[in-house]
Amino acid sequence: MVYTSSSPEETQEIAGKLSQEYEKGGIFALSGPLGAGKTTFIQGFAKGLGITERLLSPTFVIMRQHEIPGNKEGRLYHIDLYRLDEINEIDSLGLTEIFSNPKNIVFIEWAEKLGKLLPRQAIQIDIKITSENSREISVEGN
């Protein structure tokens, strides 16, 4: 599925609607250049799930987690691998355990750095910058 967004607010609306399809859990691999709106997309998804706290980019801390209203067994994980240099640094994040809980919602920015560690069932979300304010958001997978 391909969506077109003409503003950050519209990107968040698209993600909020998509959240209703995956409120029970899922793994999402986000790709796109710096400034494309990956974190903006995740913020809209979280809002669609009823998460009211402000989601900040975990660029410097690599991972943040948030409680999901109505989903006591899972959490929303926001992982940003941009600053990760070595694949062995990933081991310390506990991703195997996070991925193994089907109730978790996991967003991974710069997911290509995971290589073969990225689960096959991950839904691919690619955000392309088409103009200063416009984005093309493609969603592929389960």
C-alpha atoms as a PDB file:
ATOM      1  CA  MET A   1       0.000   0.000   0.000  1.00  0.00           C
ATOM      2  CA  VAL A   2       1.298   3.473  -0.854  1.00  0.00           C
ATOM      3  CA  TYR A   3       0.161   6.658   0.863  1.00  0.00           C
ATOM      4  CA  THR A   4       0.910  10.277   0.031  1.00  0.00           C
ATOM      5  CA  SER A   5       1.337  12.845   2.779  1.00  0.00           C
ATOM      6  CA  SER A   6       1.580  16.605   2.329  1.00  0.00           C
ATOM      7  CA  SER A   7       2.421  17.488   5.949  1.00  0.00           C
ATOM      8  CA  PRO A   8       3.763  16.017   9.204  1.00  0.00           C
ATOM      9  CA  GLU A   9       0.213  16.072  10.571  1.00  0.00           C
ATOM     10  CA  GLU A  10      -1.025  14.049   7.604  1.00  0.00           C
ATOM     11  CA  THR A  11       1.836  11.568   8.096  1.00  0.00           C
ATOM     12  CA  GLN A  12       0.689  11.141  11.691  1.00  0.00           C
ATOM     13  CA  GLU A  13      -2.942  10.665  10.580  1.00  0.00           C
ATOM     14  CA  ILE A  14      -1.904   7.938   8.122  1.00  0.00           C
ATOM     15  CA  ALA A  15       0.096   6.184  10.837  1.00  0.00           C
ATOM     16  CA  GLY A  16      -2.753   6.563  13.345  1.00  0.00           C
ATOM     17  CA  LYS A  17      -5.146   4.795  10.986  1.00  0.00           C
ATOM     18  CA  LEU A  18      -2.568   2.072  10.342  1.00  0.00           C
ATOM     19  CA  SER A  19      -2.201   1.546  14.098  1.00  0.00           C
ATOM     20  CA  GLN A  20      -5.718   0.151  14.225  1.00  0.00           C
ATOM     21  CA  GLU A  21      -4.659  -2.772  12.029  1.00  0.00           C
ATOM     22  CA  TYR A  22      -1.674  -3.630  14.218  1.00  0.00           C
ATOM     23  CA  GLU A  23      -2.809  -2.717  17.734  1.00  0.00           C
ATOM     24  CA  LYS A  24      -2.253  -6.318  18.888  1.00  0.00           C
ATOM     25  CA  GLY A  25       1.431  -6.376  17.904  1.00  0.00           C
ATOM     26  CA  GLY A  26       3.919  -6.226  15.058  1.00  0.00           C
ATOM     27  CA  ILE A  27       7.461  -5.461  13.989  1.00  0.00           C
ATOM     28  CA  PHE A  28       8.056  -2.537  11.647  1.00  0.00           C
ATOM     29  CA  ALA A  29      11.266  -1.815   9.732  1.00  0.00           C
ATOM     30  CA  LEU A  30      11.423   1.856   8.778  1.00  0.00           C
ATOM     31  CA  SER A  31      13.669   3.210   6.068  1.00  0.00           C
ATOM     32  CA  GLY A  32      14.135   6.622   4.552  1.00  0.00           C
ATOM     33  CA  PRO A  33      16.670   9.425   4.608  1.00  0.00           C
ATOM     34  CA  LEU A  34      17.308  11.726   7.561  1.00  0.00           C
ATOM     35  CA  GLY A  35      14.383  14.109   7.949  1.00  0.00           C
ATOM     36  CA  ALA A  36      11.937  11.935   6.022  1.00  0.00           C
ATOM     37  CA  GLY A  37       9.542  11.663   8.952  1.00  0.00           C
ATOM     38  CA  LYS A  38      10.202   8.241  10.466  1.00  0.00           C
ATOM     39  CA  THR A  39       9.822   9.481  14.047  1.00  0.00           C
ATOM     40  CA  THR A  40       6.809  11.588  13.029  1.00  0.00           C
ATOM     41  CA  PHE A  41       5.211   8.426  11.633  1.00  0.00           C
ATOM     42  CA  ILE A  42       5.866   6.521  14.879  1.00  0.00           C
ATOM     43  CA  GLN A  43       4.424   9.391  16.925  1.00  0.00           C
ATOM     44  CA  GLY A  44       1.188   9.209  14.908  1.00  0.00           C
ATOM     45  CA  PHE A  45       1.035   5.432  15.289  1.00  0.00           C
ATOM     46  CA  ALA A  46       1.496   5.738  19.064  1.00  0.00           C
ATOM     47  CA  LYS A  47      -1.191   8.397  19.274  1.00  0.00           C
ATOM     48  CA  GLY A  48      -3.526   6.088  17.351  1.00  0.00           C
ATOM     49  CA  LEU A  49      -2.904   3.438  20.035  1.00  0.00           C
ATOM     50  CA  GLY A  50      -3.863   5.910  22.755  1.00  0.00           C
ATOM     51  CA  ILE A  51      -0.339   6.612  23.995  1.00  0.00           C
ATOM     52  CA  THR A  52      -0.459  10.159  25.348  1.00  0.00           C
ATOM     53  CA  GLU A  53       3.155  10.667  26.396  1.00  0.00           C
ATOM     54  CA  ARG A  54       5.393  12.489  23.936  1.00  0.00           C
ATOM     55  CA  LEU A  55       7.581  10.152  21.913  1.00  0.00           C
ATOM     56  CA  LEU A  56      11.094  11.432  21.396  1.00  0.00           C
ATOM     57  CA  SER A  57      13.597  10.048  18.949  1.00  0.00           C
ATOM     58  CA  PRO A  58      15.905   7.521  20.641  1.00  0.00           C
ATOM     59  CA  THR A  59      18.834   8.430  18.395  1.00  0.00           C
ATOM     60  CA  PHE A  60      21.240   8.888  21.305  1.00  0.00           C
ATOM     61  CA  VAL A  61      19.841   6.244  23.669  1.00  0.00           C
ATOM     62  CA  ILE A  62      19.086   3.765  20.830  1.00  0.00           C
ATOM     63  CA  MET A  63      15.837   2.441  22.355  1.00  0.00           C
ATOM     64  CA  ARG A  64      12.809   3.741  24.236  1.00  0.00           C
ATOM     65  CA  GLN A  65       9.791   1.787  25.405  1.00  0.00           C
ATOM     66  CA  HIS A  66       6.247   2.884  26.155  1.00  0.00           C
ATOM     67  CA  GLU A  67       3.224   1.274  27.758  1.00  0.00           C
ATOM     68  CA  ILE A  68       0.309   0.661  25.392  1.00  0.00           C
ATOM     69  CA  PRO A  69      -3.156   1.349  26.825  1.00  0.00           C
ATOM     70  CA  GLY A  70      -5.229  -1.826  26.655  1.00  0.00           C
ATOM     71  CA  ASN A  71      -2.209  -4.044  25.977  1.00  0.00           C
ATOM     72  CA  LYS A  72      -0.817  -5.057  29.374  1.00  0.00           C
ATOM     73  CA  GLU A  73       1.299  -7.887  27.908  1.00  0.00           C
ATOM     74  CA  GLY A  74       3.126  -5.801  25.328  1.00  0.00           C
ATOM     75  CA  ARG A  75       4.975  -2.538  24.924  1.00  0.00           C
ATOM     76  CA  LEU A  76       5.768  -0.190  22.092  1.00  0.00           C
ATOM     77  CA  TYR A  77       9.506  -0.193  21.414  1.00  0.00           C
ATOM     78  CA  HIS A  78      11.067   2.588  19.366  1.00  0.00           C
ATOM     79  CA  ILE A  79      14.566   1.617  18.261  1.00  0.00           C
ATOM     80  CA  ASP A  80      16.861   3.901  16.274  1.00  0.00           C
ATOM     81  CA  LEU A  81      20.003   2.215  14.959  1.00  0.00           C
ATOM     82  CA  TYR A  82      21.405   5.279  13.169  1.00  0.00           C
ATOM     83  CA  ARG A  83      24.320   5.706  15.590  1.00  0.00           C
ATOM     84  CA  LEU A  84      25.077   1.993  15.877  1.00  0.00           C
ATOM     85  CA  ASP A  85      28.441   1.144  14.340  1.00  0.00           C
ATOM     86  CA  GLU A  86      28.952  -2.532  15.071  1.00  0.00           C
ATOM     87  CA  ILE A  87      26.476  -5.390  14.701  1.00  0.00           C
ATOM     88  CA  ASN A  88      27.707  -6.844  18.014  1.00  0.00           C
ATOM     89  CA  GLU A  89      26.388  -3.723  19.803  1.00  0.00           C
ATOM     90  CA  ILE A  90      22.889  -4.948  18.946  1.00  0.00           C
ATOM     91  CA  ASP A  91      23.243  -7.998  21.205  1.00  0.00           C
ATOM     92  CA  SER A  92      23.083  -5.843  24.321  1.00  0.00           C
ATOM     93  CA  LEU A  93      19.633  -4.504  23.379  1.00  0.00           C
ATOM     94  CA  GLY A  94      17.819  -7.793  24.081  1.00  0.00           C
ATOM     95  CA  LEU A  95      16.090  -7.760  20.702  1.00  0.00           C
ATOM     96  CA  THR A  96      15.522 -11.522  20.606  1.00  0.00           C
ATOM     97  CA  GLU A  97      13.350 -11.287  23.701  1.00  0.00           C
ATOM     98  CA  ILE A  98      11.565  -8.163  22.439  1.00  0.00           C
ATOM     99  CA  PHE A  99      10.858  -9.751  19.042  1.00  0.00           C
ATOM    100  CA  SER A 100       9.627 -12.988  20.643  1.00  0.00           C
ATOM    101  CA  ASN A 101       6.652 -11.318  22.362  1.00  0.00           C
ATOM    102  CA  PRO A 102       3.890 -11.125  19.726  1.00  0.00           C
ATOM    103  CA  LYS A 103       2.076  -8.470  21.805  1.00  0.00           C
ATOM    104  CA  ASN A 104       4.940  -5.991  21.401  1.00  0.00           C
ATOM    105  CA  ILE A 105       4.854  -3.289  18.764  1.00  0.00           C
ATOM    106  CA  VAL A 106       8.424  -2.681  17.612  1.00  0.00           C
ATOM    107  CA  PHE A 107       9.551   0.147  15.348  1.00  0.00           C
ATOM    108  CA  ILE A 108      13.120  -0.005  14.065  1.00  0.00           C
ATOM    109  CA  GLU A 109      14.597   3.011  12.313  1.00  0.00           C
ATOM    110  CA  TRP A 110      17.579   2.189  10.086  1.00  0.00           C
ATOM    111  CA  ALA A 111      16.534  -1.475  10.297  1.00  0.00           C
ATOM    112  CA  GLU A 112      18.862  -2.410   7.435  1.00  0.00           C
ATOM    113  CA  LYS A 113      21.669  -2.389  10.024  1.00  0.00           C
ATOM    114  CA  LEU A 114      20.145  -5.529  11.550  1.00  0.00           C
ATOM    115  CA  GLY A 115      20.781  -7.549   8.403  1.00  0.00           C
ATOM    116  CA  LYS A 116      19.746 -11.162   8.981  1.00  0.00           C
ATOM    117  CA  LEU A 117      18.702 -10.373  12.565  1.00  0.00           C
ATOM    118  CA  LEU A 118      15.599  -8.566  11.264  1.00  0.00           C
ATOM    119  CA  PRO A 119      12.647 -10.970  11.605  1.00  0.00           C
ATOM    120  CA  ARG A 120      11.158 -12.091   8.294  1.00  0.00           C
ATOM    121  CA  GLN A 121       7.667 -11.068   9.413  1.00  0.00           C
ATOM    122  CA  ALA A 122       8.727  -7.420   9.760  1.00  0.00           C
ATOM    123  CA  ILE A 123       6.515  -4.982   7.907  1.00  0.00           C
ATOM    124  CA  GLN A 124       8.585  -2.698   5.695  1.00  0.00           C
ATOM    125  CA  ILE A 125       7.745   1.008   5.816  1.00  0.00           C
ATOM    126  CA  ASP A 126       9.682   3.195   3.405  1.00  0.00           C
ATOM    127  CA  ILE A 127       9.282   6.967   3.561  1.00  0.00           C
ATOM    128  CA  LYS A 128      10.496   8.941   0.549  1.00  0.00           C
ATOM    129  CA  ILE A 129      10.824  12.709   0.422  1.00  0.00           C
ATOM    130  CA  THR A 130       9.012  13.880  -2.716  1.00  0.00           C
ATOM    131  CA  SER A 131       9.165  17.619  -1.958  1.00  0.00           C
ATOM    132  CA  GLU A 132       9.811  19.881   1.029  1.00  0.00           C
ATOM    133  CA  ASN A 133       6.531  18.921   2.701  1.00  0.00           C
ATOM    134  CA  SER A 134       5.407  15.859   0.738  1.00  0.00           C
ATOM    135  CA  ARG A 135       6.211  12.252   1.483  1.00  0.00           C
ATOM    136  CA  GLU A 136       5.439   8.928  -0.163  1.00  0.00           C
ATOM    137  CA  ILE A 137       4.907   6.215   2.439  1.00  0.00           C
ATOM    138  CA  SER A 138       4.923   2.624   1.265  1.00  0.00           C
ATOM    139  CA  VAL A 139       3.886  -0.217   3.556  1.00  0.00           C
ATOM    140  CA  GLU A 140       4.714  -3.795   2.556  1.00  0.00           C
ATOM    141  CA  GLY A 141       4.295  -7.025   4.438  1.00  0.00           C
ATOM    142  CA  ASN A 142       1.854  -8.912   6.600  1.00  0.00           C
END
